[in-house]
Amino acid sequence: MTVKAHAKINWTLEVLGVRPDGYHDLRSIVLPVALHDLVTLEEAGEITCSAEGVDVPQEKNLAYRAAVALRNATGRKLGVRILIEKHIPSGAGLGGGSSDAAAVLNALNLMWGVNFSCGRLCEIAAEIGSDVPALVMGGPVLMEGRGERVRKIDDATLKELGIAELPSPDDIEVFSPGIFSSTPAVYGEFRPSDCGLGPNDLQPAALRLYPAIADALRLLESKGLERVTMSGSGSSVYGVRRP
């Protein structure tokens, strides 16, 4: 079985404060984009995972951790061989590792005949990473908390948020400048005064740490794209093509 693991962008990202557990309280509209990794899952006696061009120990790979977490939740002895063809860059604010983990959870839920509900999968996903629940749910999603609270965005939610419409994945152009942006470093640089300056409250902090992101923003603006913004904690930026 081979599935697509789509990257995401943060259409909005609000930092609402710091929680008692040390995580930041967030509210974000998460949208899928066309860019994706390819994840192949093959029957096997144990769980193994490899990703081409990624020098990460298996135990730290989010896709591997997702498979282990789902197996543990079933209480059954299950295995799978996971092969990942990477196209989503790391450290780019596009949820690359998280998208692979989400794809593994959804695919193994079918392949192993687990048949957990989406809600149960999202609970497991929250143990793996903050972006994983939204990517398990798929489509436009409102993410809250540290990422563990997610809900599909429908017409009623759009009205509640005061948004007329959201772009389709094919209308979003993503550019990654090749800068590895450290999420902990960006949150460490974040100041409350950064809030409300644009759609992404983390963008000012990322620009202070990685000034070259500004060049990427200007590049997309020069192409006539609308609403050019950074995704997540960077370094990727995106804009919307309009007819």
Protein backbone atom coordinates (compact mmCIF):
# COMPACT_ATOMS: atom_id res chain seq x y z
CA MET A 1 0.00 0.00 0.00
CA THR A 2 1.35 3.43 -1.00
CA VAL A 3 -0.29 6.63 0.25
CA LYS A 4 0.37 10.34 -0.11
CA ALA A 5 1.38 12.29 2.99
CA HIS A 6 0.44 15.88 2.19
CA ALA A 7 2.29 18.85 3.63
CA LYS A 8 0.36 21.55 5.48
CA ILE A 9 0.46 25.30 5.80
CA ASN A 10 -0.85 27.42 8.65
CA TRP A 11 -3.39 29.85 7.16
CA THR A 12 -3.47 31.51 10.57
CA LEU A 13 -1.36 30.85 13.65
CA GLU A 14 -2.17 32.60 16.93
CA VAL A 15 -0.01 32.19 20.03
CA LEU A 16 -2.39 32.64 22.96
CA GLY A 17 -0.02 32.07 25.87
CA VAL A 18 2.07 29.48 27.69
CA ARG A 19 0.40 26.47 29.30
CA PRO A 20 1.31 25.04 32.73
CA ASP A 21 2.95 22.08 30.93
CA GLY A 22 5.33 24.46 29.12
CA TYR A 23 3.70 24.17 25.71
CA HIS A 24 2.31 27.24 23.99
CA ASP A 25 -1.45 27.53 23.64
CA LEU A 26 -2.22 27.91 19.94
CA ARG A 27 -5.11 28.43 17.58
CA SER A 28 -4.45 27.76 13.91
CA ILE A 29 -6.25 27.08 10.67
CA VAL A 30 -4.35 24.24 9.02
CA LEU A 31 -4.69 23.60 5.28
CA PRO A 32 -3.29 20.78 3.14
CA VAL A 33 -1.20 21.62 0.09
CA ALA A 34 -0.32 19.65 -3.04
CA LEU A 35 3.29 18.92 -1.96
CA HIS A 36 3.55 15.42 -0.49
CA ASP A 37 5.78 12.54 0.54
CA LEU A 38 5.02 8.99 -0.61
CA VAL A 39 4.67 6.42 2.16
CA THR A 40 4.74 2.71 1.29
CA LEU A 41 3.62 0.13 3.84
CA GLU A 42 4.37 -3.57 3.41
CA GLU A 43 3.41 -6.54 5.55
CA ALA A 44 6.19 -7.60 7.93
CA GLY A 45 6.75 -9.43 11.19
CA GLU A 46 8.01 -6.37 13.02
CA ILE A 47 7.92 -2.59 12.65
CA THR A 48 10.73 -1.01 10.64
CA CYS A 49 10.97 2.38 8.97
CA SER A 50 13.36 4.02 6.54
CA ALA A 51 13.24 7.39 4.77
CA GLU A 52 15.50 8.14 1.84
CA GLY A 53 17.92 10.97 2.42
CA VAL A 54 16.98 11.38 6.08
CA ASP A 55 19.68 10.71 8.66
CA VAL A 56 17.41 10.15 11.65
CA PRO A 57 17.51 7.10 13.94
CA GLN A 58 14.48 4.90 13.36
CA GLU A 59 13.26 5.35 16.94
CA LYS A 60 13.06 9.13 16.44
CA ASN A 61 11.20 8.95 13.12
CA LEU A 62 7.62 10.10 13.69
CA ALA A 63 6.27 7.57 11.19
CA TYR A 64 7.92 4.74 13.13
CA ARG A 65 6.62 6.12 16.42
CA ALA A 66 3.13 6.34 14.93
CA ALA A 67 3.17 2.67 13.94
CA VAL A 68 4.43 1.64 17.38
CA ALA A 69 1.82 3.79 19.14
CA LEU A 70 -1.01 2.30 17.08
CA ARG A 71 0.24 -1.24 17.65
CA ASN A 72 0.48 -0.62 21.38
CA ALA A 73 -3.05 0.79 21.42
CA THR A 74 -4.37 -2.44 19.88
CA GLY A 75 -2.53 -4.74 22.28
CA ARG A 76 -1.79 -7.02 19.32
CA LYS A 77 1.52 -8.25 17.88
CA LEU A 78 1.63 -6.43 14.56
CA GLY A 79 4.37 -5.46 12.14
CA VAL A 80 4.92 -3.35 9.04
CA ARG A 81 7.78 -2.19 6.83
CA ILE A 82 7.54 1.56 6.17
CA LEU A 83 9.40 3.17 3.26
CA ILE A 84 9.22 6.95 2.85
CA GLU A 85 10.04 8.84 -0.34
CA LYS A 86 10.71 12.37 0.90
CA HIS A 87 9.70 15.51 -0.95
CA ILE A 88 8.67 17.73 1.98
CA PRO A 89 11.74 19.54 3.40
CA SER A 90 12.58 19.33 7.11
CA GLY A 91 12.66 22.38 9.36
CA ALA A 92 10.38 24.18 6.94
CA GLY A 93 7.10 24.62 8.83
CA LEU A 94 5.27 22.21 6.51
CA GLY A 95 4.77 19.32 8.94
CA GLY A 96 6.90 16.87 6.94
CA GLY A 97 7.51 14.31 9.67
CA SER A 98 4.04 14.84 11.10
CA SER A 99 2.40 14.25 7.73
CA ASP A 100 4.23 10.93 7.41
CA ALA A 101 3.08 9.92 10.89
CA ALA A 102 -0.52 10.86 10.10
CA ALA A 103 -0.42 8.90 6.84
CA VAL A 104 0.91 5.85 8.69
CA LEU A 105 -1.84 6.03 11.33
CA ASN A 106 -4.61 6.31 8.75
CA ALA A 107 -3.16 3.62 6.48
CA LEU A 108 -2.41 1.09 9.23
CA ASN A 109 -5.85 1.64 10.73
CA LEU A 110 -7.14 0.04 7.51
CA MET A 111 -4.26 -2.32 6.73
CA TRP A 112 -4.26 -3.86 10.20
CA GLY A 113 -8.06 -3.89 10.39
CA VAL A 114 -8.00 -1.80 13.57
CA ASN A 115 -10.95 0.40 12.57
CA PHE A 116 -10.41 3.04 15.24
CA SER A 117 -12.52 6.18 14.88
CA CYS A 118 -10.90 9.38 13.67
CA GLY A 119 -11.26 10.74 17.20
CA ARG A 120 -9.33 7.80 18.67
CA LEU A 121 -6.62 8.13 16.02
CA CYS A 122 -6.30 11.83 16.87
CA GLU A 123 -5.81 10.94 20.54
CA ILE A 124 -2.94 8.64 19.58
CA ALA A 125 -1.62 11.27 17.16
CA ALA A 126 -1.44 13.88 19.93
CA GLU A 127 1.09 11.69 21.76
CA ILE A 128 3.37 11.77 18.71
CA GLY A 129 3.46 15.45 17.76
CA SER A 130 1.47 18.68 17.88
CA ASP A 131 0.77 18.78 14.12
CA VAL A 132 -0.18 15.12 13.76
CA PRO A 133 -3.86 15.24 14.88
CA ALA A 134 -4.76 17.92 12.32
CA LEU A 135 -3.06 15.93 9.58
CA VAL A 136 -4.83 12.73 10.63
CA MET A 137 -8.16 14.52 10.34
CA GLY A 138 -7.21 15.97 6.95
CA GLY A 139 -8.67 18.83 4.96
CA PRO A 140 -9.12 22.31 6.43
CA VAL A 141 -8.88 21.93 10.21
CA LEU A 142 -9.09 24.28 13.19
CA MET A 143 -6.32 23.28 15.59
CA GLU A 144 -6.30 24.49 19.21
CA GLY A 145 -4.35 23.91 22.42
CA ARG A 146 -0.92 22.53 21.60
CA GLY A 147 -2.54 20.74 18.65
CA GLU A 148 -4.54 18.08 20.48
CA ARG A 149 -7.92 19.76 19.89
CA VAL A 150 -8.96 19.62 16.25
CA ARG A 151 -12.18 19.96 14.30
CA LYS A 152 -13.10 20.01 10.64
CA ILE A 153 -13.78 23.44 9.21
CA ASP A 154 -17.22 23.58 7.64
CA ASP A 155 -19.37 26.52 6.53
CA ALA A 156 -20.55 27.12 10.10
CA THR A 157 -16.95 27.25 11.37
CA LEU A 158 -15.96 29.66 8.60
CA LYS A 159 -18.82 31.93 9.62
CA GLU A 160 -17.78 31.65 13.27
CA LEU A 161 -14.21 32.62 12.33
CA GLY A 162 -15.35 35.46 10.08
CA ILE A 163 -13.78 33.94 6.97
CA ALA A 164 -15.55 34.01 3.61
CA GLU A 165 -13.63 31.14 2.01
CA LEU A 166 -10.37 29.21 2.08
CA PRO A 167 -8.17 28.42 -0.93
CA SER A 168 -7.91 24.95 -2.44
CA PRO A 169 -4.57 23.11 -2.20
CA ASP A 170 -3.88 23.73 -5.90
CA ASP A 171 -4.24 27.50 -5.43
CA ILE A 172 -1.50 27.64 -2.77
CA GLU A 173 2.09 28.06 -3.95
CA VAL A 174 4.74 27.06 -1.41
CA PHE A 175 8.39 28.08 -1.49
CA SER A 176 11.06 26.66 0.82
CA PRO A 177 14.25 28.76 0.97
CA GLY A 178 16.42 25.90 2.19
CA ILE A 179 16.81 27.28 5.72
CA PHE A 180 16.39 24.84 8.61
CA SER A 181 14.24 26.70 11.12
CA SER A 182 14.43 25.40 14.69
CA THR A 183 10.94 25.34 16.22
CA PRO A 184 12.23 25.58 19.83
CA ALA A 185 14.46 28.51 18.86
CA VAL A 186 11.57 30.37 17.21
CA TYR A 187 9.33 29.89 20.24
CA GLY A 188 12.21 30.99 22.44
CA GLU A 189 12.54 34.19 20.39
CA PHE A 190 8.78 34.84 20.37
CA ARG A 191 7.57 37.98 22.18
CA PRO A 192 3.96 38.77 23.14
CA SER A 193 4.31 42.00 21.15
CA ASP A 194 4.62 39.85 17.99
CA CYS A 195 0.95 38.89 18.22
CA GLY A 196 -1.49 40.34 15.73
CA LEU A 197 1.11 41.76 13.35
CA GLY A 198 0.00 39.35 10.62
CA PRO A 199 -1.66 35.98 10.06
CA ASN A 200 1.23 34.13 11.75
CA ASP A 201 2.30 35.29 15.21
CA LEU A 202 5.60 33.38 14.88
CA GLN A 203 6.71 35.15 11.70
CA PRO A 204 8.38 38.16 13.42
CA ALA A 205 10.42 35.85 15.69
CA ALA A 206 11.50 33.67 12.76
CA LEU A 207 12.52 36.74 10.75
CA ARG A 208 14.71 37.96 13.62
CA LEU A 209 16.46 34.59 13.75
CA TYR A 210 16.54 33.91 10.01
CA PRO A 211 16.47 37.24 8.11
CA ALA A 212 16.76 35.43 4.76
CA ILE A 213 13.11 34.35 5.12
CA ALA A 214 12.27 37.95 4.17
CA ASP A 215 13.83 37.33 0.75
CA ALA A 216 11.53 34.34 0.26
CA LEU A 217 8.50 36.45 1.18
CA ARG A 218 9.53 39.14 -1.29
CA LEU A 219 10.05 36.54 -4.02
CA LEU A 220 6.45 35.34 -3.80
CA GLU A 221 5.15 38.90 -3.57
CA SER A 222 7.07 39.74 -6.76
CA LYS A 223 5.19 36.92 -8.52
CA GLY A 224 1.88 38.61 -7.75
CA LEU A 225 0.71 36.07 -5.20
CA GLU A 226 -1.75 37.21 -2.56
CA ARG A 227 -1.56 36.89 1.23
CA VAL A 228 2.12 35.92 1.27
CA THR A 229 2.91 34.51 4.71
CA MET A 230 5.29 32.16 6.51
CA SER A 231 4.00 28.71 7.49
CA GLY A 232 4.34 27.39 11.03
CA SER A 233 7.67 28.27 12.63
CA GLY A 234 9.27 28.60 9.18
CA SER A 235 11.14 28.67 7.02
CA SER A 236 8.70 27.97 4.17
CA VAL A 237 6.46 30.71 2.86
CA TYR A 238 3.35 30.54 0.73
CA GLY A 239 0.99 32.70 -1.28
CA VAL A 240 -2.33 32.28 -3.05
CA ARG A 241 -2.81 32.28 -6.81
CA ARG A 242 -5.98 34.05 -7.88
CA PRO A 243 -7.63 33.59 -11.32
